Amino acid sequence: MIRHQYLGLTAIGLALLVSACSGGLQADKRNATSRIETYIASQPAIDPDAASEMRAYRLRNGMTEAELRATWGAPEDVFKVSDDSAEWRFTCAFPHLCRSRPGGRAIKPNAFFIDGKPDRWNP
């Protein structure tokens, strides 16, 4: 009898955890979509292909820093690599996915800039 109660409580706990996480993810996605749409609306001359990529949370060569911020949000950290290059590191929150290294350390998404334009990135 006690085992059945324990299993029931475990199931309820898991259901609450899943609903809480999905609520956070949905809120993150709504915020990201709103941020992107607000930026696109403020840029009437934006290239339609750029707007489409932004709506899919994808970066592309030639984006401006403002477009990258609208697409991925503000970076968690910015590291100046040299006078003309920098690395932006992002959190693991939507739309980013973090991968794990051996030992459990997360590999955070980042973007490398040269002359103010994204040159390469890891989603």
C-alpha atoms as a PDB file:
ATOM      1  CA  MET A   1       0.000   0.000   0.000  1.00  0.00           C
ATOM      2  CA  ILE A   2       2.785   2.429   0.908  1.00  0.00           C
ATOM      3  CA  ARG A   3       4.575   1.583  -2.357  1.00  0.00           C
ATOM      4  CA  HIS A   4       1.472   2.540  -4.374  1.00  0.00           C
ATOM      5  CA  GLN A   5       1.215   5.862  -2.530  1.00  0.00           C
ATOM      6  CA  TYR A   6       4.885   6.535  -3.186  1.00  0.00           C
ATOM      7  CA  LEU A   7       4.461   5.783  -6.898  1.00  0.00           C
ATOM      8  CA  GLY A   8       1.418   8.050  -7.025  1.00  0.00           C
ATOM      9  CA  LEU A   9       3.305  10.911  -5.398  1.00  0.00           C
ATOM     10  CA  THR A  10       6.215  10.365  -7.761  1.00  0.00           C
ATOM     11  CA  ALA A  11       3.884  10.544 -10.766  1.00  0.00           C
ATOM     12  CA  ILE A  12       2.300  13.753  -9.463  1.00  0.00           C
ATOM     13  CA  GLY A  13       5.732  15.285  -8.835  1.00  0.00           C
ATOM     14  CA  LEU A  14       6.890  14.433 -12.349  1.00  0.00           C
ATOM     15  CA  ALA A  15       3.706  15.870 -13.863  1.00  0.00           C
ATOM     16  CA  LEU A  16       4.204  19.129 -11.943  1.00  0.00           C
ATOM     17  CA  LEU A  17       7.847  19.313 -12.986  1.00  0.00           C
ATOM     18  CA  VAL A  18       7.025  18.768 -16.674  1.00  0.00           C
ATOM     19  CA  SER A  19       4.243  21.355 -16.619  1.00  0.00           C
ATOM     20  CA  ALA A  20       6.478  23.909 -14.885  1.00  0.00           C
ATOM     21  CA  CYS A  21       9.302  23.373 -17.368  1.00  0.00           C
ATOM     22  CA  SER A  22       7.058  23.537 -20.402  1.00  0.00           C
ATOM     23  CA  GLY A  23       5.470  26.730 -19.058  1.00  0.00           C
ATOM     24  CA  GLY A  24       8.920  28.291 -18.778  1.00  0.00           C
ATOM     25  CA  LEU A  25       9.857  27.128 -22.266  1.00  0.00           C
ATOM     26  CA  GLN A  26       6.613  28.470 -23.711  1.00  0.00           C
ATOM     27  CA  ALA A  27       7.163  31.829 -21.999  1.00  0.00           C
ATOM     28  CA  ASP A  28      10.756  31.941 -23.319  1.00  0.00           C
ATOM     29  CA  LYS A  29       9.504  31.175 -26.823  1.00  0.00           C
ATOM     30  CA  ARG A  30       6.796  33.862 -26.614  1.00  0.00           C
ATOM     31  CA  ASN A  31       9.386  36.401 -25.436  1.00  0.00           C
ATOM     32  CA  ALA A  32      11.797  35.470 -28.224  1.00  0.00           C
ATOM     33  CA  THR A  33       9.062  35.661 -30.868  1.00  0.00           C
ATOM     34  CA  SER A  34       7.900  39.026 -29.556  1.00  0.00           C
ATOM     35  CA  ARG A  35      11.475  40.369 -29.514  1.00  0.00           C
ATOM     36  CA  ILE A  36      12.027  39.274 -33.126  1.00  0.00           C
ATOM     37  CA  GLU A  37       8.693  40.600 -34.408  1.00  0.00           C
ATOM     38  CA  THR A  38       9.233  43.948 -32.664  1.00  0.00           C
ATOM     39  CA  TYR A  39      12.644  44.284 -34.285  1.00  0.00           C
ATOM     40  CA  ILE A  40      11.381  43.298 -37.758  1.00  0.00           C
ATOM     41  CA  ALA A  41       8.474  45.756 -37.483  1.00  0.00           C
ATOM     42  CA  SER A  42      10.938  48.540 -36.641  1.00  0.00           C
ATOM     43  CA  GLN A  43      13.005  47.793 -39.769  1.00  0.00           C
ATOM     44  CA  PRO A  44      10.747  48.300 -42.816  1.00  0.00           C
ATOM     45  CA  ALA A  45      13.645  47.798 -45.262  1.00  0.00           C
ATOM     46  CA  ILE A  46      14.777  44.476 -43.745  1.00  0.00           C
ATOM     47  CA  ASP A  47      15.612  41.784 -46.273  1.00  0.00           C
ATOM     48  CA  PRO A  48      12.728  39.235 -46.319  1.00  0.00           C
ATOM     49  CA  ASP A  49      15.235  36.339 -46.222  1.00  0.00           C
ATOM     50  CA  ALA A  50      16.869  37.831 -43.118  1.00  0.00           C
ATOM     51  CA  ALA A  51      13.451  38.219 -41.453  1.00  0.00           C
ATOM     52  CA  SER A  52      12.611  34.605 -42.287  1.00  0.00           C
ATOM     53  CA  GLU A  53      15.871  33.332 -40.786  1.00  0.00           C
ATOM     54  CA  MET A  54      15.324  35.431 -37.674  1.00  0.00           C
ATOM     55  CA  ARG A  55      11.816  33.994 -37.236  1.00  0.00           C
ATOM     56  CA  ALA A  56      13.387  30.525 -37.352  1.00  0.00           C
ATOM     57  CA  TYR A  57      15.930  31.618 -34.656  1.00  0.00           C
ATOM     58  CA  ARG A  58      18.780  31.109 -37.130  1.00  0.00           C
ATOM     59  CA  LEU A  59      21.785  33.346 -37.618  1.00  0.00           C
ATOM     60  CA  ARG A  60      23.296  34.125 -40.990  1.00  0.00           C
ATOM     61  CA  ASN A  61      26.453  35.739 -42.284  1.00  0.00           C
ATOM     62  CA  GLY A  62      26.154  39.481 -42.678  1.00  0.00           C
ATOM     63  CA  MET A  63      23.703  40.009 -39.812  1.00  0.00           C
ATOM     64  CA  THR A  64      24.205  43.082 -37.687  1.00  0.00           C
ATOM     65  CA  GLU A  65      24.698  42.907 -33.930  1.00  0.00           C
ATOM     66  CA  ALA A  66      21.163  44.272 -33.522  1.00  0.00           C
ATOM     67  CA  GLU A  67      19.734  41.469 -35.699  1.00  0.00           C
ATOM     68  CA  LEU A  68      21.649  38.867 -33.723  1.00  0.00           C
ATOM     69  CA  ARG A  69      20.382  40.352 -30.433  1.00  0.00           C
ATOM     70  CA  ALA A  70      16.826  40.282 -31.757  1.00  0.00           C
ATOM     71  CA  THR A  71      17.214  36.668 -32.884  1.00  0.00           C
ATOM     72  CA  TRP A  72      19.074  35.138 -29.936  1.00  0.00           C
ATOM     73  CA  GLY A  73      18.583  37.745 -27.200  1.00  0.00           C
ATOM     74  CA  ALA A  74      21.241  39.514 -25.196  1.00  0.00           C
ATOM     75  CA  PRO A  75      24.471  37.616 -24.600  1.00  0.00           C
ATOM     76  CA  GLU A  76      25.334  36.447 -21.113  1.00  0.00           C
ATOM     77  CA  ASP A  77      28.987  37.435 -21.597  1.00  0.00           C
ATOM     78  CA  VAL A  78      30.960  39.361 -24.215  1.00  0.00           C
ATOM     79  CA  PHE A  79      34.699  38.781 -24.565  1.00  0.00           C
ATOM     80  CA  LYS A  80      36.829  41.079 -26.669  1.00  0.00           C
ATOM     81  CA  VAL A  81      39.267  38.821 -28.515  1.00  0.00           C
ATOM     82  CA  SER A  82      41.095  41.595 -30.383  1.00  0.00           C
ATOM     83  CA  ASP A  83      40.450  45.134 -31.608  1.00  0.00           C
ATOM     84  CA  ASP A  84      38.186  43.878 -34.388  1.00  0.00           C
ATOM     85  CA  SER A  85      36.781  40.628 -32.989  1.00  0.00           C
ATOM     86  CA  ALA A  86      34.668  39.472 -30.059  1.00  0.00           C
ATOM     87  CA  GLU A  87      32.906  36.385 -28.738  1.00  0.00           C
ATOM     88  CA  TRP A  88      29.351  36.532 -27.391  1.00  0.00           C
ATOM     89  CA  ARG A  89      28.293  33.692 -25.058  1.00  0.00           C
ATOM     90  CA  PHE A  90      24.645  32.936 -24.429  1.00  0.00           C
ATOM     91  CA  THR A  91      22.679  31.120 -21.740  1.00  0.00           C
ATOM     92  CA  CYS A  92      21.107  27.726 -22.270  1.00  0.00           C
ATOM     93  CA  ALA A  93      17.619  29.291 -22.358  1.00  0.00           C
ATOM     94  CA  PHE A  94      15.446  29.112 -25.488  1.00  0.00           C
ATOM     95  CA  PRO A  95      16.246  29.356 -28.390  1.00  0.00           C
ATOM     96  CA  HIS A  96      19.639  27.921 -27.429  1.00  0.00           C
ATOM     97  CA  LEU A  97      20.516  24.349 -26.735  1.00  0.00           C
ATOM     98  CA  CYS A  98      23.502  23.485 -24.612  1.00  0.00           C
ATOM     99  CA  ARG A  99      25.484  20.342 -25.193  1.00  0.00           C
ATOM    100  CA  SER A 100      27.307  18.507 -22.456  1.00  0.00           C
ATOM    101  CA  ARG A 101      31.008  17.818 -22.384  1.00  0.00           C
ATOM    102  CA  PRO A 102      32.414  14.728 -20.753  1.00  0.00           C
ATOM    103  CA  GLY A 103      32.240  15.399 -17.041  1.00  0.00           C
ATOM    104  CA  GLY A 104      28.917  17.213 -17.341  1.00  0.00           C
ATOM    105  CA  ARG A 105      30.081  20.756 -18.177  1.00  0.00           C
ATOM    106  CA  ALA A 106      27.778  22.528 -20.607  1.00  0.00           C
ATOM    107  CA  ILE A 107      28.982  23.872 -23.929  1.00  0.00           C
ATOM    108  CA  LYS A 108      27.167  27.192 -24.215  1.00  0.00           C
ATOM    109  CA  PRO A 109      26.050  28.675 -27.527  1.00  0.00           C
ATOM    110  CA  ASN A 110      28.313  31.424 -28.809  1.00  0.00           C
ATOM    111  CA  ALA A 111      28.842  33.758 -31.743  1.00  0.00           C
ATOM    112  CA  PHE A 112      32.150  35.164 -32.962  1.00  0.00           C
ATOM    113  CA  PHE A 113      32.205  38.621 -34.501  1.00  0.00           C
ATOM    114  CA  ILE A 114      34.732  40.147 -36.847  1.00  0.00           C
ATOM    115  CA  ASP A 115      34.338  43.837 -37.670  1.00  0.00           C
ATOM    116  CA  GLY A 116      30.929  43.923 -35.973  1.00  0.00           C
ATOM    117  CA  LYS A 117      29.399  41.074 -38.028  1.00  0.00           C
ATOM    118  CA  PRO A 118      28.857  37.467 -36.957  1.00  0.00           C
ATOM    119  CA  ASP A 119      31.514  35.303 -38.563  1.00  0.00           C
ATOM    120  CA  ARG A 120      30.697  31.894 -37.057  1.00  0.00           C
ATOM    121  CA  TRP A 121      28.529  30.500 -34.280  1.00  0.00           C
ATOM    122  CA  ASN A 122      27.542  27.399 -32.374  1.00  0.00           C
ATOM    123  CA  PRO A 123      23.815  27.175 -31.665  1.00  0.00           C
END
